[in-house]
C-alpha atoms as a PDB file:
ATOM      1  CA  MET A   1      22.938 -76.569   7.899  1.00  0.00           C
ATOM      2  CA  SER A   2      23.910 -78.506   4.798  1.00  0.00           C
ATOM      3  CA  VAL A   3      27.508 -79.056   3.745  1.00  0.00           C
ATOM      4  CA  ALA A   4      27.188 -76.394   1.076  1.00  0.00           C
ATOM      5  CA  GLU A   5      25.733 -73.890   3.567  1.00  0.00           C
ATOM      6  CA  TYR A   6      28.475 -74.167   6.191  1.00  0.00           C
ATOM      7  CA  GLN A   7      31.187 -73.839   3.622  1.00  0.00           C
ATOM      8  CA  THR A   8      29.482 -70.995   1.696  1.00  0.00           C
ATOM      9  CA  ARG A   9      29.013 -68.958   4.896  1.00  0.00           C
ATOM     10  CA  TRP A  10      32.624 -69.486   5.905  1.00  0.00           C
ATOM     11  CA  ILE A  11      34.082 -68.606   2.478  1.00  0.00           C
ATOM     12  CA  ASP A  12      31.781 -65.602   1.999  1.00  0.00           C
ATOM     13  CA  GLY A  13      32.973 -64.255   5.335  1.00  0.00           C
ATOM     14  CA  LEU A  14      36.649 -64.807   4.514  1.00  0.00           C
ATOM     15  CA  ASN A  15      36.219 -62.990   1.209  1.00  0.00           C
ATOM     16  CA  ARG A  16      34.924 -59.995   3.217  1.00  0.00           C
ATOM     17  CA  GLY A  17      37.777 -60.275   5.719  1.00  0.00           C
ATOM     18  CA  ASP A  18      35.371 -61.473   8.424  1.00  0.00           C
ATOM     19  CA  VAL A  19      36.094 -64.619  10.485  1.00  0.00           C
ATOM     20  CA  SER A  20      32.862 -64.497  12.496  1.00  0.00           C
ATOM     21  CA  GLY A  21      31.287 -67.086  10.143  1.00  0.00           C
ATOM     22  CA  ALA A  22      33.507 -69.641  11.924  1.00  0.00           C
ATOM     23  CA  ASP A  23      31.068 -69.580  14.837  1.00  0.00           C
ATOM     24  CA  ALA A  24      28.320 -71.092  12.666  1.00  0.00           C
ATOM     25  CA  ALA A  25      30.544 -73.330  10.510  1.00  0.00           C
ATOM     26  CA  PHE A  26      32.664 -75.001  13.224  1.00  0.00           C
ATOM     27  CA  ALA A  27      31.815 -76.715  16.540  1.00  0.00           C
ATOM     28  CA  PRO A  28      33.100 -74.680  19.502  1.00  0.00           C
ATOM     29  CA  ASP A  29      35.667 -77.365  20.382  1.00  0.00           C
ATOM     30  CA  CYS A  30      36.616 -78.188  16.750  1.00  0.00           C
ATOM     31  CA  VAL A  31      40.160 -79.502  16.209  1.00  0.00           C
ATOM     32  CA  PHE A  32      42.219 -78.111  13.310  1.00  0.00           C
ATOM     33  CA  HIS A  33      45.259 -79.836  11.798  1.00  0.00           C
ATOM     34  CA  VAL A  34      47.132 -77.503   9.433  1.00  0.00           C
ATOM     35  CA  THR A  35      50.170 -78.589   7.489  1.00  0.00           C
ATOM     36  CA  GLY A  36      53.137 -76.464   8.552  1.00  0.00           C
ATOM     37  CA  VAL A  37      51.658 -75.636  11.954  1.00  0.00           C
ATOM     38  CA  ALA A  38      53.480 -77.590  14.642  1.00  0.00           C
ATOM     39  CA  ASP A  39      50.540 -78.127  17.002  1.00  0.00           C
ATOM     40  CA  LYS A  40      46.887 -78.677  16.274  1.00  0.00           C
ATOM     41  CA  LEU A  41      44.627 -75.789  16.963  1.00  0.00           C
ATOM     42  CA  VAL A  42      41.768 -76.505  19.335  1.00  0.00           C
ATOM     43  CA  GLY A  43      38.618 -74.416  19.417  1.00  0.00           C
ATOM     44  CA  VAL A  44      36.997 -71.844  17.186  1.00  0.00           C
ATOM     45  CA  ALA A  45      38.734 -68.928  18.888  1.00  0.00           C
ATOM     46  CA  ALA A  46      42.200 -70.372  18.106  1.00  0.00           C
ATOM     47  CA  TRP A  47      41.110 -70.980  14.486  1.00  0.00           C
ATOM     48  CA  LYS A  48      39.716 -67.495  14.085  1.00  0.00           C
ATOM     49  CA  ALA A  49      42.937 -65.953  15.446  1.00  0.00           C
ATOM     50  CA  PHE A  50      45.053 -68.087  13.051  1.00  0.00           C
ATOM     51  CA  VAL A  51      42.925 -67.173  10.042  1.00  0.00           C
ATOM     52  CA  GLN A  52      42.698 -63.496  11.078  1.00  0.00           C
ATOM     53  CA  ALA A  53      46.496 -63.284  11.007  1.00  0.00           C
ATOM     54  CA  PHE A  54      46.431 -64.536   7.416  1.00  0.00           C
ATOM     55  CA  LEU A  55      43.694 -62.064   6.482  1.00  0.00           C
ATOM     56  CA  THR A  56      45.748 -59.265   8.004  1.00  0.00           C
ATOM     57  CA  ALA A  57      48.674 -60.203   5.802  1.00  0.00           C
ATOM     58  CA  PHE A  58      46.462 -60.498   2.696  1.00  0.00           C
ATOM     59  CA  PRO A  59      43.421 -58.263   3.313  1.00  0.00           C
ATOM     60  CA  ASP A  60      42.206 -58.492  -0.312  1.00  0.00           C
ATOM     61  CA  ILE A  61      42.475 -62.300  -0.543  1.00  0.00           C
ATOM     62  CA  GLN A  62      39.689 -64.069  -2.359  1.00  0.00           C
ATOM     63  CA  PHE A  63      38.997 -67.791  -1.945  1.00  0.00           C
ATOM     64  CA  THR A  64      37.186 -69.946  -4.465  1.00  0.00           C
ATOM     65  CA  MET A  65      36.105 -73.505  -3.761  1.00  0.00           C
ATOM     66  CA  THR A  66      36.802 -75.507  -6.921  1.00  0.00           C
ATOM     67  CA  ASP A  67      35.744 -79.029  -5.950  1.00  0.00           C
ATOM     68  CA  GLU A  68      33.781 -80.718  -3.221  1.00  0.00           C
ATOM     69  CA  ALA A  69      33.196 -84.396  -2.519  1.00  0.00           C
ATOM     70  CA  VAL A  70      31.012 -85.763   0.270  1.00  0.00           C
ATOM     71  CA  ASN A  71      31.144 -89.264   1.713  1.00  0.00           C
ATOM     72  CA  GLY A  72      28.959 -89.653   4.777  1.00  0.00           C
ATOM     73  CA  ASN A  73      30.155 -87.162   7.359  1.00  0.00           C
ATOM     74  CA  ARG A  74      33.451 -86.468   5.495  1.00  0.00           C
ATOM     75  CA  VAL A  75      33.733 -83.502   3.137  1.00  0.00           C
ATOM     76  CA  ALA A  76      36.770 -82.950   0.911  1.00  0.00           C
ATOM     77  CA  MET A  77      37.312 -79.623  -0.813  1.00  0.00           C
ATOM     78  CA  ARG A  78      39.884 -78.050  -3.070  1.00  0.00           C
ATOM     79  CA  TRP A  79      40.364 -74.313  -3.121  1.00  0.00           C
ATOM     80  CA  ILE A  80      42.352 -71.564  -4.763  1.00  0.00           C
ATOM     81  CA  ALA A  81      43.087 -68.074  -3.450  1.00  0.00           C
ATOM     82  CA  HIS A  82      44.599 -64.870  -4.802  1.00  0.00           C
ATOM     83  CA  GLY A  83      45.682 -61.882  -2.753  1.00  0.00           C
ATOM     84  CA  THR A  84      48.243 -59.108  -2.180  1.00  0.00           C
ATOM     85  CA  HIS A  85      50.708 -59.168   0.732  1.00  0.00           C
ATOM     86  CA  THR A  86      50.091 -55.746   2.266  1.00  0.00           C
ATOM     87  CA  GLY A  87      50.262 -56.637   5.985  1.00  0.00           C
ATOM     88  CA  PRO A  88      52.755 -58.473   8.189  1.00  0.00           C
ATOM     89  CA  LEU A  89      52.890 -62.257   7.934  1.00  0.00           C
ATOM     90  CA  GLY A  90      54.510 -63.299  11.185  1.00  0.00           C
ATOM     91  CA  PRO A  91      57.978 -61.758  11.119  1.00  0.00           C
ATOM     92  CA  LEU A  92      57.786 -61.036   7.335  1.00  0.00           C
ATOM     93  CA  PRO A  93      56.987 -57.387   6.581  1.00  0.00           C
ATOM     94  CA  PRO A  94      54.596 -56.603   3.731  1.00  0.00           C
ATOM     95  CA  THR A  95      56.148 -57.223   0.295  1.00  0.00           C
ATOM     96  CA  GLY A  96      53.342 -55.814  -1.906  1.00  0.00           C
ATOM     97  CA  ARG A  97      53.539 -58.996  -3.948  1.00  0.00           C
ATOM     98  CA  ASN A  98      50.598 -60.949  -5.308  1.00  0.00           C
ATOM     99  CA  ILE A  99      50.107 -64.606  -4.442  1.00  0.00           C
ATOM    100  CA  SER A 100      48.124 -67.373  -6.011  1.00  0.00           C
ATOM    101  CA  ILE A 101      47.870 -70.550  -3.863  1.00  0.00           C
ATOM    102  CA  ASP A 102      45.793 -73.658  -3.670  1.00  0.00           C
ATOM    103  CA  GLY A 103      44.880 -76.041  -0.931  1.00  0.00           C
ATOM    104  CA  LEU A 104      42.954 -79.091   0.200  1.00  0.00           C
ATOM    105  CA  ILE A 105      40.567 -79.515   3.107  1.00  0.00           C
ATOM    106  CA  MET A 106      39.110 -82.620   4.709  1.00  0.00           C
ATOM    107  CA  ASP A 107      36.333 -81.978   7.199  1.00  0.00           C
ATOM    108  CA  ARG A 108      34.507 -84.267   9.605  1.00  0.00           C
ATOM    109  CA  VAL A 109      31.057 -82.856  10.007  1.00  0.00           C
ATOM    110  CA  GLU A 110      28.454 -83.579  12.707  1.00  0.00           C
ATOM    111  CA  ASN A 111      25.080 -81.883  12.974  1.00  0.00           C
ATOM    112  CA  GLY A 112      25.964 -79.442  10.160  1.00  0.00           C
ATOM    113  CA  ARG A 113      29.198 -78.166  11.784  1.00  0.00           C
ATOM    114  CA  VAL A 114      32.784 -79.109  11.344  1.00  0.00           C
ATOM    115  CA  VAL A 115      34.198 -80.977  14.366  1.00  0.00           C
ATOM    116  CA  GLU A 116      37.619 -81.749  12.892  1.00  0.00           C
ATOM    117  CA  ARG A 117      39.477 -80.216   9.926  1.00  0.00           C
ATOM    118  CA  TRP A 118      42.659 -81.241   8.139  1.00  0.00           C
ATOM    119  CA  GLU A 119      43.985 -78.508   5.865  1.00  0.00           C
ATOM    120  CA  GLN A 120      47.050 -78.135   3.728  1.00  0.00           C
ATOM    121  CA  PHE A 121      48.015 -75.416   1.303  1.00  0.00           C
ATOM    122  CA  ASN A 122      50.985 -74.756  -0.895  1.00  0.00           C
ATOM    123  CA  GLN A 123      53.093 -72.796   1.604  1.00  0.00           C
ATOM    124  CA  PRO A 124      56.336 -73.241  -0.389  1.00  0.00           C
ATOM    125  CA  ALA A 125      54.751 -71.648  -3.453  1.00  0.00           C
ATOM    126  CA  MET A 126      53.393 -68.813  -1.317  1.00  0.00           C
ATOM    127  CA  LEU A 127      56.825 -68.114   0.183  1.00  0.00           C
ATOM    128  CA  GLN A 128      58.466 -68.311  -3.207  1.00  0.00           C
ATOM    129  CA  GLN A 129      55.978 -65.765  -4.629  1.00  0.00           C
ATOM    130  CA  LEU A 130      56.723 -63.513  -1.628  1.00  0.00           C
ATOM    131  CA  GLY A 131      60.470 -63.729  -2.450  1.00  0.00           C
ATOM    132  CA  VAL A 132      61.314 -65.663   0.749  1.00  0.00           C
ATOM    133  CA  GLN A 133      62.517 -68.899  -0.918  1.00  0.00           C
END
């Protein structure tokens, strides 16, 4: 699977509210480093649970990849997303507010699948738009 294919399958699934694309995009023992999350997530099941909680909070969220750069087995991407907070986000009840956030991803890819991901997104902007900060 090419770089574009793994990312396209994953994003297409997210935009349908489906995390099952993670099984094809990420190695089973992939390690995920997410800014704002205290411990790294290990394994596709942990990643799918983390992302599913976000999709539950924002079931209409739509992601768009805006840039991609490849250097060997490293892939960097920039994304934007828009959605409505209609489900719980951790202890925060639904606010009905819209969000627009952006983020950066750095993947290490082997044999067409991500084996390690570093991701950060603008959590302070998201919380501000939700009226938390």
